[in-house]
Protein backbone atom coordinates (compact mmCIF):
# COMPACT_ATOMS: atom_id res chain seq x y z
CA MET A 1 0.00 0.00 0.00
CA ALA A 2 1.32 3.47 -0.93
CA GLU A 3 2.64 5.72 1.83
CA PRO A 4 0.04 8.35 2.86
CA PHE A 5 0.78 11.69 1.21
CA LYS A 6 0.64 13.47 4.57
CA ASN A 7 3.76 11.60 5.68
CA LEU A 8 5.85 13.76 3.39
CA ILE A 9 5.83 16.18 6.34
CA ASN A 10 7.22 14.16 9.24
CA VAL A 11 9.27 14.40 12.42
CA PRO A 12 12.70 13.88 10.77
CA LEU A 13 11.95 16.67 8.30
CA ILE A 14 10.96 19.03 11.13
CA GLU A 15 14.07 18.14 13.12
CA ALA A 16 16.28 18.71 10.07
CA ALA A 17 14.65 22.09 9.43
CA SER A 18 15.19 23.03 13.07
CA ALA A 19 18.88 22.19 12.81
CA HIS A 20 19.32 24.41 9.74
CA LEU A 21 17.53 27.34 11.39
CA ALA A 22 19.68 26.98 14.52
CA ARG A 23 22.79 26.76 12.33
CA VAL A 24 22.21 30.22 10.84
CA TRP A 25 20.67 31.84 13.94
CA PRO A 26 22.17 30.53 17.20
CA ALA A 27 19.40 32.19 19.25
CA PHE A 28 16.78 29.98 17.60
CA ASP A 29 14.84 27.89 20.15
CA ALA A 30 15.11 24.59 18.31
CA ALA A 31 13.54 22.49 21.07
CA ARG A 32 10.45 24.68 21.27
CA PHE A 33 10.09 24.73 17.49
CA VAL A 34 10.21 20.92 17.27
CA SER A 35 7.78 20.57 20.17
CA LEU A 36 5.25 22.93 18.59
CA ALA A 37 5.64 21.60 15.05
CA THR A 38 5.29 17.92 15.98
CA GLN A 39 2.38 18.21 18.42
CA GLN A 40 -0.09 15.40 17.62
CA LEU A 41 1.42 15.25 14.13
CA ASP A 42 0.12 11.74 13.40
CA ALA A 43 -3.48 12.96 13.74
CA LEU A 44 -3.05 15.75 11.17
CA GLU A 45 -3.50 15.67 7.41
CA LEU A 46 -0.99 17.19 5.00
CA LYS A 47 -2.13 20.82 4.92
CA ALA A 48 -2.76 20.88 8.68
CA ARG A 49 0.79 19.64 9.23
CA ALA A 50 2.19 22.40 7.02
CA LEU A 51 0.18 25.07 8.84
CA GLN A 52 1.24 23.76 12.24
CA ILE A 53 4.87 24.21 11.19
CA THR A 54 3.95 27.75 10.08
CA ASP A 55 2.62 28.45 13.59
CA ALA A 56 5.83 27.06 15.07
CA LEU A 57 7.88 29.37 12.86
CA SER A 58 5.80 32.34 13.97
CA ALA A 59 6.44 31.43 17.60
CA THR A 60 10.21 31.02 17.28
CA LEU A 61 11.57 33.27 14.53
CA PRO A 62 12.38 36.94 15.20
CA THR A 63 9.30 39.12 15.66
CA GLU A 64 10.55 41.67 13.10
CA PHE A 65 9.55 40.39 9.66
CA ALA A 66 12.72 41.40 7.83
CA ALA A 67 14.89 39.71 10.47
CA ALA A 68 12.79 36.55 10.31
CA ILE A 69 13.12 36.43 6.51
CA ASP A 70 16.86 36.92 6.76
CA VAL A 71 17.01 33.79 8.93
CA LEU A 72 14.84 31.76 6.56
CA GLU A 73 16.82 32.81 3.48
CA ALA A 74 20.13 32.08 5.17
CA ALA A 75 18.91 28.55 5.95
CA LEU A 76 17.91 27.76 2.36
CA GLY A 77 19.76 25.05 0.51
CA PRO A 78 21.41 25.52 -2.89
CA VAL A 79 19.27 25.81 -6.01
CA GLU A 80 19.05 22.44 -7.75
CA ALA A 81 18.93 21.94 -11.50
CA GLY A 82 15.82 19.72 -11.54
CA GLU A 83 12.37 21.07 -12.34
CA GLN A 84 10.04 18.61 -10.62
CA MET A 85 8.83 19.63 -7.17
CA ALA A 86 8.96 16.04 -5.85
CA ASP A 87 12.73 16.00 -6.47
CA LEU A 88 13.33 19.01 -4.19
CA GLN A 89 14.14 17.82 -0.68
CA ILE A 90 15.82 19.08 2.45
CA THR A 91 19.51 18.11 2.50
CA ASP A 92 22.64 18.83 4.48
CA GLY A 93 22.96 21.94 2.33
CA GLY A 94 19.86 23.59 3.74
CA LEU A 95 16.09 23.95 3.54
CA ALA A 96 14.26 22.72 0.46
CA GLY A 97 11.18 20.71 -0.37
CA TRP A 98 7.97 20.33 1.63
CA VAL A 99 9.03 22.28 4.71
CA LEU A 100 9.11 25.41 2.55
CA TRP A 101 5.34 25.21 2.08
CA SER A 102 5.22 26.31 5.71
CA ALA A 103 7.83 29.01 5.16
CA GLY A 104 5.77 30.39 2.28
CA GLU A 105 2.66 30.49 4.46
CA PHE A 106 4.66 32.32 7.13
CA ILE A 107 5.61 34.96 4.55
CA ALA A 108 2.00 35.24 3.36
CA GLN A 109 0.79 35.78 6.92
CA ARG A 110 3.49 38.15 8.14
CA GLY A 111 4.67 39.89 4.98
CA LEU A 112 1.65 41.71 3.61
CA GLN A 113 2.84 44.94 5.24
CA GLU A 114 6.24 44.60 3.53
CA PRO A 115 5.30 43.19 0.12
CA GLU A 116 8.52 44.03 -1.79
CA ARG A 117 10.65 42.17 0.76
CA ALA A 118 8.15 39.32 0.94
CA LEU A 119 8.09 38.85 -2.85
CA ARG A 120 11.90 38.69 -2.95
CA ALA A 121 11.74 35.92 -0.36
CA LEU A 122 9.12 34.03 -2.36
CA HIS A 123 11.38 34.31 -5.41
CA ALA A 124 14.06 32.48 -3.43
CA ILE A 125 11.73 29.90 -1.90
CA THR A 126 10.02 28.90 -5.15
CA GLN A 127 13.37 27.77 -6.56
CA ARG A 128 13.58 25.18 -3.78
CA PHE A 129 9.90 24.12 -3.56
CA THR A 130 7.04 26.31 -4.79
CA ALA A 131 5.45 29.57 -3.67
CA GLU A 132 2.27 29.14 -5.73
CA PHE A 133 0.06 29.18 -2.61
CA ALA A 134 1.94 31.90 -0.73
CA ILE A 135 1.93 34.48 -3.53
CA ARG A 136 -1.85 34.53 -3.85
CA PRO A 137 -2.58 36.79 -0.85
CA PHE A 138 -0.20 39.34 -2.42
CA LEU A 139 -2.15 39.22 -5.69
CA ILE A 140 -5.30 39.91 -3.68
CA THR A 141 -3.90 42.65 -1.43
CA HIS A 142 -1.20 44.19 -3.67
CA GLU A 143 -2.41 43.28 -7.16
CA ALA A 144 -0.61 45.97 -9.17
CA LEU A 145 2.75 45.49 -7.44
CA THR A 146 2.58 41.71 -7.66
CA LEU A 147 1.57 41.71 -11.34
CA ARG A 148 4.49 44.05 -12.14
CA THR A 149 6.79 41.66 -10.29
CA LEU A 150 5.42 38.64 -12.16
CA ALA A 151 5.84 40.46 -15.47
CA ALA A 152 9.55 40.85 -14.69
CA TRP A 153 9.82 37.22 -13.64
CA VAL A 154 8.67 35.84 -17.00
CA HIS A 155 12.29 36.40 -18.09
CA ASP A 156 13.86 34.84 -15.00
CA PRO A 157 16.52 32.18 -15.71
CA SER A 158 14.86 29.79 -13.23
CA ALA A 159 12.05 27.61 -14.62
CA HIS A 160 10.64 27.45 -11.08
CA VAL A 161 10.24 31.23 -11.01
CA ARG A 162 8.74 31.36 -14.50
CA ARG A 163 6.30 28.59 -13.56
CA LEU A 164 5.32 30.58 -10.43
CA VAL A 165 4.23 33.44 -12.70
CA SER A 166 1.58 31.20 -14.27
CA GLU A 167 0.77 28.80 -11.45
CA GLY A 168 0.62 31.39 -8.69
CA SER A 169 -1.83 33.53 -10.66
CA ARG A 170 -4.13 30.70 -11.74
CA PRO A 171 -7.72 31.74 -10.93
CA ARG A 172 -8.72 28.34 -9.54
CA LEU A 173 -5.50 26.74 -8.29
CA PRO A 174 -6.27 23.48 -6.43
CA TRP A 175 -5.57 23.84 -2.70
CA GLY A 176 -4.99 27.58 -3.22
CA VAL A 177 -7.11 30.59 -2.29
CA GLN A 178 -9.37 31.34 -5.27
CA LEU A 179 -8.47 34.59 -7.01
CA LYS A 180 -12.03 35.84 -7.41
CA ALA A 181 -11.03 38.99 -9.26
CA PHE A 182 -9.26 36.91 -11.91
CA VAL A 183 -12.12 34.42 -12.05
CA ALA A 184 -14.38 37.35 -12.95
CA ASP A 185 -11.86 39.03 -15.27
CA PRO A 186 -8.75 37.06 -16.28
CA SER A 187 -7.39 39.79 -18.57
CA PRO A 188 -4.59 40.88 -16.16
CA THR A 189 -2.86 37.50 -16.46
CA LEU A 190 -3.19 37.06 -20.24
CA PRO A 191 0.03 38.99 -21.07
CA LEU A 192 1.92 36.71 -18.69
CA LEU A 193 0.57 33.61 -20.42
CA ARG A 194 1.42 34.96 -23.87
CA ALA A 195 4.99 35.50 -22.74
CA LEU A 196 5.26 31.94 -21.37
CA GLN A 197 3.31 29.78 -23.80
CA ASP A 198 6.47 29.04 -25.84
CA ASP A 199 8.73 28.70 -22.80
CA GLU A 200 11.60 26.29 -23.26
CA SER A 201 10.50 24.33 -20.17
CA ALA A 202 7.67 21.80 -20.50
CA TYR A 203 7.18 22.30 -16.75
CA VAL A 204 6.30 25.95 -17.35
CA ARG A 205 4.19 25.26 -20.44
CA ARG A 206 2.11 22.70 -18.52
CA SER A 207 1.25 25.39 -15.98
CA VAL A 208 0.21 27.78 -18.76
CA ALA A 209 -2.09 25.09 -20.15
CA ASN A 210 -3.71 24.55 -16.75
CA HIS A 211 -4.11 28.30 -16.28
CA LEU A 212 -5.88 28.62 -19.65
CA ASN A 213 -8.08 25.67 -18.74
CA ASP A 214 -9.04 27.49 -15.52
CA ILE A 215 -10.04 30.50 -17.61
CA ALA A 216 -12.05 28.30 -19.98
CA LYS A 217 -14.43 27.26 -17.21
CA ALA A 218 -15.93 30.76 -16.92
CA HIS A 219 -14.74 32.47 -20.12
CA PRO A 220 -14.78 29.94 -22.98
CA ALA A 221 -14.73 32.69 -25.61
CA ILE A 222 -11.32 33.92 -24.37
CA VAL A 223 -9.77 30.49 -24.83
CA ALA A 224 -11.53 29.96 -28.16
CA GLU A 225 -10.08 33.26 -29.42
CA TRP A 226 -6.69 32.27 -28.03
CA LEU A 227 -6.80 29.06 -30.10
CA GLU A 228 -7.89 30.90 -33.21
CA THR A 229 -4.95 33.27 -32.78
CA TYR A 230 -2.15 30.98 -31.66
CA LEU A 231 -2.98 27.49 -32.97
CA PRO A 232 -2.42 28.11 -36.71
CA SER A 233 1.21 27.31 -37.58
CA ALA A 234 1.94 26.47 -33.91
CA SER A 235 5.02 24.45 -33.06
CA ALA A 236 4.58 20.93 -31.70
CA PRO A 237 5.20 22.03 -28.06
CA ARG A 238 2.68 24.86 -28.37
CA ARG A 239 0.10 22.55 -29.97
CA ALA A 240 0.49 20.16 -27.02
CA LEU A 241 0.01 23.06 -24.60
CA LEU A 242 -3.08 24.31 -26.41
CA ARG A 243 -4.55 20.82 -26.61
CA HIS A 244 -4.24 20.42 -22.84
CA ALA A 245 -5.69 23.90 -22.34
CA SER A 246 -8.69 22.92 -24.50
CA ARG A 247 -9.64 19.78 -22.60
CA THR A 248 -12.61 21.19 -20.68
CA LEU A 249 -14.09 22.92 -23.71
CA ILE A 250 -13.60 19.88 -25.93
CA LYS A 251 -15.49 17.78 -23.39
CA ARG A 252 -18.24 20.41 -23.36
CA GLY A 253 -18.46 20.29 -27.13
CA ASP A 254 -17.67 24.00 -27.53
CA ALA A 255 -18.24 24.69 -31.24
CA ARG A 256 -15.50 27.31 -31.68
CA VAL A 257 -12.89 25.19 -29.92
CA LEU A 258 -13.80 22.05 -31.85
CA HIS A 259 -13.67 24.00 -35.09
CA ALA A 260 -10.23 25.39 -34.18
CA TRP A 261 -8.98 21.81 -33.86
CA GLY A 262 -10.66 20.74 -37.09
CA ILE A 263 -13.17 18.46 -35.35
CA GLY A 264 -16.27 20.58 -35.49
CA ASP A 265 -18.22 18.66 -38.13
CA ARG A 266 -21.05 16.32 -37.24
CA PHE A 267 -20.23 12.63 -37.60
CA ALA A 268 -21.54 11.02 -40.76
CA GLY A 269 -21.89 7.27 -40.42
CA GLU A 270 -23.03 4.60 -38.02
CA MET A 271 -22.07 4.03 -34.41
CA SER A 272 -23.21 1.62 -31.72
CA LEU A 273 -22.18 1.13 -28.11
CA VAL A 274 -22.22 -2.01 -25.97
CA VAL A 275 -21.48 -1.88 -22.22
CA SER A 276 -20.55 -5.13 -20.51
CA PRO A 277 -21.24 -6.72 -18.16
CA ALA A 278 -24.81 -5.53 -17.87
CA VAL A 279 -24.68 -5.59 -14.06
CA VAL A 280 -21.68 -4.56 -11.93
CA THR A 281 -21.04 -3.71 -8.31
CA VAL A 282 -19.00 -0.82 -6.94
CA GLY A 283 -15.30 -1.62 -7.36
CA GLU A 284 -15.73 -3.51 -10.61
CA THR A 285 -15.08 -2.41 -14.18
CA VAL A 286 -17.31 -2.07 -17.23
CA VAL A 287 -16.00 -2.43 -20.78
CA LEU A 288 -17.22 0.02 -23.41
CA THR A 289 -17.12 -1.36 -26.96
CA LEU A 290 -17.86 1.17 -29.66
CA GLU A 291 -18.40 0.10 -33.27
CA VAL A 292 -17.83 2.91 -35.76
CA ARG A 293 -18.43 2.82 -39.52
CA ALA A 294 -17.90 5.69 -41.96
CA PRO A 295 -19.98 5.99 -45.13
CA ALA A 296 -18.39 4.81 -48.37
CA THR A 297 -18.61 8.26 -49.91
CA GLY A 298 -17.36 11.61 -48.69
CA GLY A 299 -14.06 12.69 -47.25
CA ALA A 300 -12.02 11.59 -44.24
CA GLN A 301 -13.49 12.50 -40.84
CA SER A 302 -11.51 13.72 -37.84
CA LEU A 303 -13.30 12.60 -34.68
CA ALA A 304 -12.98 13.52 -31.01
CA ILE A 305 -14.96 10.84 -29.19
CA ASP A 306 -15.70 11.24 -25.48
CA TYR A 307 -18.16 9.45 -23.25
CA ALA A 308 -20.27 10.52 -20.30
CA VAL A 309 -21.33 8.30 -17.42
CA HIS A 310 -24.65 9.53 -16.05
CA HIS A 311 -24.28 8.74 -12.35
CA VAL A 312 -27.45 8.10 -10.37
CA ARG A 313 -27.98 10.59 -7.56
CA ALA A 314 -29.68 10.16 -4.19
CA ASP A 315 -32.95 11.62 -5.51
CA GLY A 316 -33.04 9.23 -8.46
CA ARG A 317 -31.98 11.79 -11.05
CA SER A 318 -28.62 11.51 -12.80
CA SER A 319 -25.67 13.80 -13.42
CA PRO A 320 -23.15 13.25 -16.24
CA LYS A 321 -19.41 13.11 -15.86
CA VAL A 322 -17.47 13.32 -19.13
CA PHE A 323 -14.38 11.17 -19.66
CA LYS A 324 -11.79 11.22 -22.42
CA GLY A 325 -12.39 8.56 -25.05
CA TRP A 326 -10.61 8.43 -28.39
CA THR A 327 -9.38 10.63 -31.22
CA CYS A 328 -9.12 9.21 -34.71
CA THR A 329 -9.46 9.92 -38.39
CA LEU A 330 -11.81 7.67 -40.40
CA ALA A 331 -11.35 7.18 -44.14
CA PRO A 332 -14.44 6.71 -46.32
CA GLY A 333 -15.89 3.23 -45.76
CA GLU A 334 -13.57 2.51 -42.81
CA SER A 335 -14.79 0.60 -39.75
CA ARG A 336 -13.21 0.53 -36.30
CA THR A 337 -13.83 -1.17 -32.98
CA LEU A 338 -12.84 1.06 -30.06
CA VAL A 339 -12.61 -0.38 -26.54
CA LYS A 340 -12.30 1.38 -23.21
CA ARG A 341 -12.34 0.00 -19.67
CA HIS A 342 -14.11 2.20 -17.10
CA SER A 343 -13.64 1.58 -13.39
CA MET A 344 -16.50 1.96 -10.93
CA ARG A 345 -14.15 1.85 -7.96
CA ALA A 346 -14.99 3.94 -4.92
CA VAL A 347 -13.48 7.44 -4.91
CA THR A 348 -13.59 10.14 -2.24
CA THR A 349 -15.09 12.72 -4.60
CA ARG A 350 -18.22 10.73 -5.49
CA ARG A 351 -20.81 8.65 -3.70
CA TYR A 352 -22.38 5.89 -5.77
CA TYR A 353 -26.07 4.99 -5.74
CA ALA A 354 -27.61 1.82 -7.15
CA GLY A 355 -29.58 1.98 -10.36
CA ALA A 356 -29.39 2.15 -14.12
CA HIS A 357 -26.40 4.20 -15.29
CA ARG A 358 -26.50 5.53 -18.83
CA VAL A 359 -23.32 5.89 -20.88
CA SER A 360 -23.60 8.37 -23.75
CA VAL A 361 -21.05 8.84 -26.50
CA GLN A 362 -20.44 12.28 -27.96
CA VAL A 363 -18.58 12.82 -31.21
CA ASN A 364 -17.24 16.29 -31.97
CA GLY A 365 -19.46 17.63 -29.21
CA THR A 366 -22.71 15.94 -30.31
CA THR A 367 -24.25 12.93 -28.55
CA VAL A 368 -24.52 10.07 -31.05
CA THR A 369 -25.36 6.86 -29.19
CA ASP A 370 -25.79 5.44 -25.68
CA ALA A 371 -26.23 2.29 -23.64
CA THR A 372 -26.90 1.43 -19.99
CA PHE A 373 -25.63 -0.83 -17.23
CA GLN A 374 -26.95 -1.59 -13.77
CA LEU A 375 -24.88 -0.64 -10.72
CA GLU A 376 -25.39 -2.54 -7.49
CA LEU A 377 -23.91 -1.63 -4.11
């Protein structure tokens, strides 16, 4: 069984962080910090553990913000060459990795009155973990200053800093405070995304794609226009970014987005779906078998085929959840058999109810065929 994610923040990590802080500031009360940070640690989930360490930092670092940041920065480890956050860990060289989530929260809580100094500290921290959560209160409280800072950072030599520009300003960042102003009007971040969409780092480009997908949820026309502007003659890396950014709108069947990708035409041909077995219980898997036949005449057809499982709700009604299916090009007269396995395993984000579950298949945004299976608890 996989190790619980919360265990990434553990007693050895806290003790190692304490040693580095004491190394650079001999007056640091290491014993008190460890005691506060590890209190009932086993009972806490990941974010609660990070915030408890933040409270311990507040209780033991200097009360003057600038002095406290000097201590934190002095304790940081060297910048590593890797781009993936999971590879950044505390070492003998200094602080890095998951403990810096807490340091970022400390800066977000204590640094709003000194935003220029706080942003410089976040620039340093994000190169050793990420400051995507910590920078968001500054975008809310000091929007103009923070946006000017991010605009300068799009040219930073560190991919971690450039990624922070996009990830930290995402309107709907998971686990992060929602940036309601940017949910309502994302235009302030669009110049940042334009500057980064052809970044040399796939790590940065992935963040830009996720940011655009966030925007698509409330402002589909902005992303549709973005595709119409930047997809023609796009390089392979940019096409991959734009495809990932389009995923929500493709699932919705947005006509402009489908047309931009050349998959806006209605399917001409025959299609049938079989779901087996006919009866399953929670935890089992159904197999979707889709038979597709193109007419003998006409041109080739580019198809984006997704499927929706209409989950039964407590009141007997159903709600659809769209899943990625297949993409293909059918020549005139061509037939294909497409197969997909769909798990009905229990997940924390959904409660299953017994009853007939419909599976509908949509091609280029239009529902074409469906079938049902019975779910038993």
